[in-house]
């Protein structure tokens, strides 16, 4: 019986790209449903039913672990789920598995939030706040340094094999220029970055909905993402 496509509610952002890459790498059938976060589509009831935190991405797999549909939000949880479903990119042995999971948590708890703040204060904040720009730019440089040192010891972020940790971190580094980073300052990281960027599955994945994403230049979009719309009681 053919696998029904996984329904992917997403947008072409780093967190969306994580899941797009994983699906392409695993060769799973999937169908994308654009959630235009600049127009507030993440607040619609249908999306909130599967992503109560109103963040992309979220998935619905018609054939979940028990053969019944399952919906999931949070990109890290989705990566772990897809790794379990396919047996790929997350080792079975406990020691290697926890090596991968710790670097996945490093991305979820550090790389994503901190680089997201760097993007916000460097590009989107309505006023330039030097303290915030310096704080998050310096934190971005620190995180890049952590990754570079790790990649000086191992070919992939969690060891000898490409894993969901690499898939999670890579999309966040694609905007290195906006984060105040000079990529050549991190030679091990740059080699790793270029290797992942050349993978056919990654190249396909980052083009998904790429033509739909526009720069956030209007006040309405900024309000939806960063202003009172984001914080309304629902």
C-alpha atoms as a PDB file:
ATOM      1  CA  UNK A   1       0.000   0.000   0.000  1.00  0.00           C
ATOM      2  CA  UNK A   2       1.573   3.342  -1.020  1.00  0.00           C
ATOM      3  CA  UNK A   3       2.392   5.850   1.686  1.00  0.00           C
ATOM      4  CA  UNK A   4      -0.114   8.715   1.798  1.00  0.00           C
ATOM      5  CA  UNK A   5       1.641  12.094   1.580  1.00  0.00           C
ATOM      6  CA  UNK A   6       2.512  13.845   4.798  1.00  0.00           C
ATOM      7  CA  UNK A   7       0.687  17.174   4.963  1.00  0.00           C
ATOM      8  CA  UNK A   8       3.200  19.906   5.789  1.00  0.00           C
ATOM      9  CA  UNK A   9       1.937  23.295   6.966  1.00  0.00           C
ATOM     10  CA  UNK A  10       4.927  25.533   6.587  1.00  0.00           C
ATOM     11  CA  UNK A  11       6.630  28.644   5.244  1.00  0.00           C
ATOM     12  CA  UNK A  12      10.146  29.149   3.789  1.00  0.00           C
ATOM     13  CA  UNK A  13      11.898  30.045   7.047  1.00  0.00           C
ATOM     14  CA  UNK A  14      14.766  28.216   8.774  1.00  0.00           C
ATOM     15  CA  UNK A  15      12.379  26.145  10.879  1.00  0.00           C
ATOM     16  CA  UNK A  16      10.294  25.298   7.853  1.00  0.00           C
ATOM     17  CA  UNK A  17      13.376  24.384   5.855  1.00  0.00           C
ATOM     18  CA  UNK A  18      14.473  21.906   8.508  1.00  0.00           C
ATOM     19  CA  UNK A  19      11.398  19.783   7.883  1.00  0.00           C
ATOM     20  CA  UNK A  20      11.486  20.267   4.108  1.00  0.00           C
ATOM     21  CA  UNK A  21      15.106  19.045   4.063  1.00  0.00           C
ATOM     22  CA  UNK A  22      14.348  16.021   6.236  1.00  0.00           C
ATOM     23  CA  UNK A  23      11.439  14.981   4.060  1.00  0.00           C
ATOM     24  CA  UNK A  24      13.494  15.334   0.892  1.00  0.00           C
ATOM     25  CA  UNK A  25      16.452  13.483   2.397  1.00  0.00           C
ATOM     26  CA  UNK A  26      14.199  10.618   3.466  1.00  0.00           C
ATOM     27  CA  UNK A  27      12.352  10.454   0.159  1.00  0.00           C
ATOM     28  CA  UNK A  28       8.963  10.568   1.853  1.00  0.00           C
ATOM     29  CA  UNK A  29       5.905  11.721  -0.106  1.00  0.00           C
ATOM     30  CA  UNK A  30       4.696  15.075   1.175  1.00  0.00           C
ATOM     31  CA  UNK A  31       2.473  17.961   0.236  1.00  0.00           C
ATOM     32  CA  UNK A  32       3.033  21.520   1.377  1.00  0.00           C
ATOM     33  CA  UNK A  33       0.344  23.910   2.571  1.00  0.00           C
ATOM     34  CA  UNK A  34       1.674  27.494   2.708  1.00  0.00           C
ATOM     35  CA  UNK A  35       1.074  29.329   5.975  1.00  0.00           C
ATOM     36  CA  UNK A  36       1.852  32.944   5.160  1.00  0.00           C
ATOM     37  CA  UNK A  37       3.042  34.210   8.527  1.00  0.00           C
ATOM     38  CA  UNK A  38       3.303  37.782   7.234  1.00  0.00           C
ATOM     39  CA  UNK A  39      -0.443  37.758   6.540  1.00  0.00           C
ATOM     40  CA  UNK A  40      -1.449  36.133   9.829  1.00  0.00           C
ATOM     41  CA  UNK A  41      -2.402  32.715   8.463  1.00  0.00           C
ATOM     42  CA  UNK A  42      -0.762  31.117  11.530  1.00  0.00           C
ATOM     43  CA  UNK A  43      -3.644  32.405  13.653  1.00  0.00           C
ATOM     44  CA  UNK A  44      -6.414  30.722  11.690  1.00  0.00           C
ATOM     45  CA  UNK A  45      -8.364  28.075  13.651  1.00  0.00           C
ATOM     46  CA  UNK A  46      -7.474  25.231  11.314  1.00  0.00           C
ATOM     47  CA  UNK A  47      -3.769  25.808  11.798  1.00  0.00           C
ATOM     48  CA  UNK A  48      -4.068  26.407  15.551  1.00  0.00           C
ATOM     49  CA  UNK A  49      -5.770  23.015  15.832  1.00  0.00           C
ATOM     50  CA  UNK A  50      -2.475  21.343  14.904  1.00  0.00           C
ATOM     51  CA  UNK A  51      -0.041  24.032  16.084  1.00  0.00           C
ATOM     52  CA  UNK A  52      -1.404  25.619  19.281  1.00  0.00           C
ATOM     53  CA  UNK A  53       1.703  27.807  19.632  1.00  0.00           C
ATOM     54  CA  UNK A  54       0.835  29.418  16.251  1.00  0.00           C
ATOM     55  CA  UNK A  55       4.292  28.694  14.832  1.00  0.00           C
ATOM     56  CA  UNK A  56       5.281  26.887  11.659  1.00  0.00           C
ATOM     57  CA  UNK A  57       5.967  24.162  10.754  1.00  0.00           C
ATOM     58  CA  UNK A  58       3.407  21.553  11.687  1.00  0.00           C
ATOM     59  CA  UNK A  59       2.657  18.240  10.025  1.00  0.00           C
ATOM     60  CA  UNK A  60      -0.174  15.760   9.746  1.00  0.00           C
ATOM     61  CA  UNK A  61       0.907  12.225   8.926  1.00  0.00           C
ATOM     62  CA  UNK A  62      -2.115  10.181   7.795  1.00  0.00           C
ATOM     63  CA  UNK A  63      -0.235   7.020   8.713  1.00  0.00           C
ATOM     64  CA  UNK A  64       1.077   7.575  12.220  1.00  0.00           C
ATOM     65  CA  UNK A  65       2.830   5.060  14.478  1.00  0.00           C
ATOM     66  CA  UNK A  66      -0.402   3.142  15.160  1.00  0.00           C
ATOM     67  CA  UNK A  67      -1.659   3.448  11.602  1.00  0.00           C
ATOM     68  CA  UNK A  68      -3.833   6.397  12.563  1.00  0.00           C
ATOM     69  CA  UNK A  69      -3.248  10.082  11.692  1.00  0.00           C
ATOM     70  CA  UNK A  70      -0.935  12.056  13.940  1.00  0.00           C
ATOM     71  CA  UNK A  71      -0.290  15.792  13.983  1.00  0.00           C
ATOM     72  CA  UNK A  72       2.890  17.348  15.338  1.00  0.00           C
ATOM     73  CA  UNK A  73       4.233  20.842  15.865  1.00  0.00           C
ATOM     74  CA  UNK A  74       7.745  22.030  16.854  1.00  0.00           C
ATOM     75  CA  UNK A  75      10.363  21.413  14.192  1.00  0.00           C
ATOM     76  CA  UNK A  76      12.726  19.483  16.472  1.00  0.00           C
ATOM     77  CA  UNK A  77       9.974  17.072  17.486  1.00  0.00           C
ATOM     78  CA  UNK A  78       9.043  16.631  13.821  1.00  0.00           C
ATOM     79  CA  UNK A  79      12.651  15.768  12.932  1.00  0.00           C
ATOM     80  CA  UNK A  80      12.798  13.147  15.686  1.00  0.00           C
ATOM     81  CA  UNK A  81       9.462  11.727  14.547  1.00  0.00           C
ATOM     82  CA  UNK A  82      10.523  11.486  10.901  1.00  0.00           C
ATOM     83  CA  UNK A  83      13.831   9.908  11.927  1.00  0.00           C
ATOM     84  CA  UNK A  84      11.906   7.293  13.884  1.00  0.00           C
ATOM     85  CA  UNK A  85       9.478   6.706  11.032  1.00  0.00           C
ATOM     86  CA  UNK A  86      12.236   6.131   8.473  1.00  0.00           C
ATOM     87  CA  UNK A  87      15.122   4.855  10.592  1.00  0.00           C
ATOM     88  CA  UNK A  88      17.366   7.547   9.127  1.00  0.00           C
ATOM     89  CA  UNK A  89      19.585  10.344  10.445  1.00  0.00           C
ATOM     90  CA  UNK A  90      19.255   9.400  14.126  1.00  0.00           C
ATOM     91  CA  UNK A  91      21.395   6.492  15.358  1.00  0.00           C
ATOM     92  CA  UNK A  92      19.869   3.556  17.176  1.00  0.00           C
ATOM     93  CA  UNK A  93      22.673   3.096  19.712  1.00  0.00           C
ATOM     94  CA  UNK A  94      22.152   5.073  22.896  1.00  0.00           C
ATOM     95  CA  UNK A  95      25.539   6.789  22.981  1.00  0.00           C
ATOM     96  CA  UNK A  96      25.423   8.003  19.372  1.00  0.00           C
ATOM     97  CA  UNK A  97      21.731   8.856  19.650  1.00  0.00           C
ATOM     98  CA  UNK A  98      22.272  11.147  22.635  1.00  0.00           C
ATOM     99  CA  UNK A  99      25.191  12.818  20.870  1.00  0.00           C
ATOM    100  CA  UNK A 100      22.805  13.790  18.095  1.00  0.00           C
ATOM    101  CA  UNK A 101      19.990  14.796  20.423  1.00  0.00           C
ATOM    102  CA  UNK A 102      22.205  17.110  22.494  1.00  0.00           C
ATOM    103  CA  UNK A 103      23.187  19.024  19.351  1.00  0.00           C
ATOM    104  CA  UNK A 104      19.568  19.128  18.243  1.00  0.00           C
ATOM    105  CA  UNK A 105      18.706  20.697  21.602  1.00  0.00           C
ATOM    106  CA  UNK A 106      21.626  23.116  21.127  1.00  0.00           C
ATOM    107  CA  UNK A 107      19.932  24.290  17.950  1.00  0.00           C
ATOM    108  CA  UNK A 108      16.455  24.462  19.433  1.00  0.00           C
ATOM    109  CA  UNK A 109      17.506  26.223  22.621  1.00  0.00           C
ATOM    110  CA  UNK A 110      20.387  28.338  21.373  1.00  0.00           C
ATOM    111  CA  UNK A 111      21.019  28.689  17.656  1.00  0.00           C
ATOM    112  CA  UNK A 112      17.403  29.309  16.645  1.00  0.00           C
ATOM    113  CA  UNK A 113      16.374  31.720  19.396  1.00  0.00           C
ATOM    114  CA  UNK A 114      19.624  33.683  19.478  1.00  0.00           C
ATOM    115  CA  UNK A 115      20.045  34.033  15.730  1.00  0.00           C
ATOM    116  CA  UNK A 116      16.365  34.901  15.525  1.00  0.00           C
ATOM    117  CA  UNK A 117      16.990  37.776  17.930  1.00  0.00           C
ATOM    118  CA  UNK A 118      20.007  38.849  15.894  1.00  0.00           C
ATOM    119  CA  UNK A 119      17.788  38.974  12.794  1.00  0.00           C
ATOM    120  CA  UNK A 120      15.131  40.924  14.672  1.00  0.00           C
ATOM    121  CA  UNK A 121      17.305  43.652  16.132  1.00  0.00           C
ATOM    122  CA  UNK A 122      19.598  43.973  13.121  1.00  0.00           C
ATOM    123  CA  UNK A 123      16.834  43.984  10.475  1.00  0.00           C
ATOM    124  CA  UNK A 124      13.287  44.289  11.773  1.00  0.00           C
ATOM    125  CA  UNK A 125      13.174  46.298  15.002  1.00  0.00           C
ATOM    126  CA  UNK A 126      11.488  49.683  14.459  1.00  0.00           C
ATOM    127  CA  UNK A 127      14.374  51.404  16.215  1.00  0.00           C
ATOM    128  CA  UNK A 128      18.051  50.560  16.225  1.00  0.00           C
ATOM    129  CA  UNK A 129      19.099  49.612  19.757  1.00  0.00           C
ATOM    130  CA  UNK A 130      22.912  49.347  19.858  1.00  0.00           C
ATOM    131  CA  UNK A 131      22.952  47.268  23.059  1.00  0.00           C
ATOM    132  CA  UNK A 132      20.590  44.649  21.579  1.00  0.00           C
ATOM    133  CA  UNK A 133      22.368  44.597  18.212  1.00  0.00           C
ATOM    134  CA  UNK A 134      25.746  44.119  19.896  1.00  0.00           C
ATOM    135  CA  UNK A 135      24.449  41.511  22.336  1.00  0.00           C
ATOM    136  CA  UNK A 136      22.879  39.237  19.738  1.00  0.00           C
ATOM    137  CA  UNK A 137      25.545  39.770  17.091  1.00  0.00           C
ATOM    138  CA  UNK A 138      28.187  38.773  19.628  1.00  0.00           C
ATOM    139  CA  UNK A 139      26.121  35.768  20.683  1.00  0.00           C
ATOM    140  CA  UNK A 140      25.815  34.746  17.036  1.00  0.00           C
ATOM    141  CA  UNK A 141      29.605  34.884  16.727  1.00  0.00           C
ATOM    142  CA  UNK A 142      29.970  32.814  19.900  1.00  0.00           C
ATOM    143  CA  UNK A 143      27.589  30.140  18.585  1.00  0.00           C
ATOM    144  CA  UNK A 144      29.357  30.009  15.242  1.00  0.00           C
ATOM    145  CA  UNK A 145      32.579  29.516  17.180  1.00  0.00           C
ATOM    146  CA  UNK A 146      31.095  26.602  19.133  1.00  0.00           C
ATOM    147  CA  UNK A 147      30.007  24.951  15.896  1.00  0.00           C
ATOM    148  CA  UNK A 148      33.340  25.624  14.188  1.00  0.00           C
ATOM    149  CA  UNK A 149      35.308  24.064  17.044  1.00  0.00           C
ATOM    150  CA  UNK A 150      33.073  20.997  17.056  1.00  0.00           C
ATOM    151  CA  UNK A 151      33.481  20.582  13.308  1.00  0.00           C
ATOM    152  CA  UNK A 152      37.223  20.781  13.746  1.00  0.00           C
ATOM    153  CA  UNK A 153      36.923  17.519  15.705  1.00  0.00           C
ATOM    154  CA  UNK A 154      34.257  15.655  13.751  1.00  0.00           C
ATOM    155  CA  UNK A 155      33.113  15.761  10.104  1.00  0.00           C
ATOM    156  CA  UNK A 156      29.473  16.267  11.093  1.00  0.00           C
ATOM    157  CA  UNK A 157      28.092  18.160  14.030  1.00  0.00           C
ATOM    158  CA  UNK A 158      27.369  15.069  16.153  1.00  0.00           C
ATOM    159  CA  UNK A 159      30.099  12.742  14.944  1.00  0.00           C
ATOM    160  CA  UNK A 160      30.939  10.721  11.874  1.00  0.00           C
ATOM    161  CA  UNK A 161      27.499  10.717  10.246  1.00  0.00           C
ATOM    162  CA  UNK A 162      25.120  13.309   8.821  1.00  0.00           C
ATOM    163  CA  UNK A 163      22.126  13.564  11.161  1.00  0.00           C
ATOM    164  CA  UNK A 164      19.075  15.545  12.157  1.00  0.00           C
ATOM    165  CA  UNK A 165      21.427  17.795  14.141  1.00  0.00           C
ATOM    166  CA  UNK A 166      23.065  18.953  10.904  1.00  0.00           C
ATOM    167  CA  UNK A 167      19.667  19.269   9.233  1.00  0.00           C
ATOM    168  CA  UNK A 168      18.417  21.438  12.123  1.00  0.00           C
ATOM    169  CA  UNK A 169      21.398  23.785  12.301  1.00  0.00           C
ATOM    170  CA  UNK A 170      22.137  24.356   8.613  1.00  0.00           C
ATOM    171  CA  UNK A 171      19.050  26.433   7.663  1.00  0.00           C
ATOM    172  CA  UNK A 172      19.697  28.916  10.452  1.00  0.00           C
ATOM    173  CA  UNK A 173      23.174  29.657   9.115  1.00  0.00           C
ATOM    174  CA  UNK A 174      22.043  30.403   5.563  1.00  0.00           C
ATOM    175  CA  UNK A 175      21.449  34.044   6.590  1.00  0.00           C
ATOM    176  CA  UNK A 176      24.929  34.458   8.052  1.00  0.00           C
ATOM    177  CA  UNK A 177      25.425  37.862   6.452  1.00  0.00           C
ATOM    178  CA  UNK A 178      22.315  39.243   8.172  1.00  0.00           C
ATOM    179  CA  UNK A 179      23.707  37.994  11.482  1.00  0.00           C
ATOM    180  CA  UNK A 180      26.904  40.031  11.166  1.00  0.00           C
ATOM    181  CA  UNK A 181      29.000  36.946  10.413  1.00  0.00           C
ATOM    182  CA  UNK A 182      31.989  36.575   8.101  1.00  0.00           C
ATOM    183  CA  UNK A 183      31.755  32.915   7.164  1.00  0.00           C
ATOM    184  CA  UNK A 184      35.433  32.568   6.267  1.00  0.00           C
ATOM    185  CA  UNK A 185      36.256  33.311   9.922  1.00  0.00           C
ATOM    186  CA  UNK A 186      34.947  29.792  10.650  1.00  0.00           C
ATOM    187  CA  UNK A 187      36.752  27.485   8.184  1.00  0.00           C
ATOM    188  CA  UNK A 188      35.526  24.160   9.571  1.00  0.00           C
ATOM    189  CA  UNK A 189      31.966  25.434   9.640  1.00  0.00           C
ATOM    190  CA  UNK A 190      32.247  26.839   6.107  1.00  0.00           C
ATOM    191  CA  UNK A 191      33.431  23.500   4.705  1.00  0.00           C
ATOM    192  CA  UNK A 192      30.529  21.725   6.431  1.00  0.00           C
ATOM    193  CA  UNK A 193      28.067  24.391   5.272  1.00  0.00           C
ATOM    194  CA  UNK A 194      29.175  24.144   1.652  1.00  0.00           C
ATOM    195  CA  UNK A 195      28.984  20.338   1.759  1.00  0.00           C
ATOM    196  CA  UNK A 196      25.386  20.396   3.006  1.00  0.00           C
ATOM    197  CA  UNK A 197      24.377  23.153   0.593  1.00  0.00           C
ATOM    198  CA  UNK A 198      25.537  20.951  -2.295  1.00  0.00           C
ATOM    199  CA  UNK A 199      23.304  18.016  -1.351  1.00  0.00           C
ATOM    200  CA  UNK A 200      20.530  17.571  -3.966  1.00  0.00           C
ATOM    201  CA  UNK A 201      17.834  17.020  -1.330  1.00  0.00           C
ATOM    202  CA  UNK A 202      18.829  20.250   0.416  1.00  0.00           C
ATOM    203  CA  UNK A 203      18.822  22.190  -2.836  1.00  0.00           C
ATOM    204  CA  UNK A 204      15.312  20.946  -3.598  1.00  0.00           C
ATOM    205  CA  UNK A 205      14.056  21.664  -0.106  1.00  0.00           C
ATOM    206  CA  UNK A 206      15.189  25.279   0.165  1.00  0.00           C
ATOM    207  CA  UNK A 207      13.398  26.094  -3.088  1.00  0.00           C
ATOM    208  CA  UNK A 208      10.024  25.015  -1.684  1.00  0.00           C
ATOM    209  CA  UNK A 209       7.839  28.157  -1.612  1.00  0.00           C
ATOM    210  CA  UNK A 210      10.943  30.324  -2.107  1.00  0.00           C
ATOM    211  CA  UNK A 211       9.023  32.441  -4.603  1.00  0.00           C
ATOM    212  CA  UNK A 212       6.304  33.186  -2.020  1.00  0.00           C
ATOM    213  CA  UNK A 213       8.454  34.765   0.642  1.00  0.00           C
ATOM    214  CA  UNK A 214       8.794  38.531   0.403  1.00  0.00           C
ATOM    215  CA  UNK A 215      10.813  40.974   2.514  1.00  0.00           C
ATOM    216  CA  UNK A 216       8.925  42.221   5.567  1.00  0.00           C
ATOM    217  CA  UNK A 217       8.802  45.899   4.709  1.00  0.00           C
ATOM    218  CA  UNK A 218       5.200  46.875   5.508  1.00  0.00           C
ATOM    219  CA  UNK A 219       3.884  47.866   8.915  1.00  0.00           C
ATOM    220  CA  UNK A 220       0.989  45.370   8.819  1.00  0.00           C
ATOM    221  CA  UNK A 221       3.291  42.367   8.435  1.00  0.00           C
ATOM    222  CA  UNK A 222       5.564  43.666  11.176  1.00  0.00           C
ATOM    223  CA  UNK A 223       2.591  44.085  13.488  1.00  0.00           C
ATOM    224  CA  UNK A 224       1.393  40.545  12.759  1.00  0.00           C
ATOM    225  CA  UNK A 225       4.807  39.029  13.481  1.00  0.00           C
ATOM    226  CA  UNK A 226       6.151  41.292  16.206  1.00  0.00           C
ATOM    227  CA  UNK A 227       3.340  43.520  17.456  1.00  0.00           C
ATOM    228  CA  UNK A 228      -0.039  43.355  19.146  1.00  0.00           C
ATOM    229  CA  UNK A 229      -1.495  40.786  16.744  1.00  0.00           C
ATOM    230  CA  UNK A 230       1.014  38.217  17.983  1.00  0.00           C
ATOM    231  CA  UNK A 231      -0.060  38.705  21.575  1.00  0.00           C
ATOM    232  CA  UNK A 232      -3.824  38.770  21.293  1.00  0.00           C
ATOM    233  CA  UNK A 233      -5.673  36.331  23.507  1.00  0.00           C
ATOM    234  CA  UNK A 234      -6.998  33.358  21.548  1.00  0.00           C
END
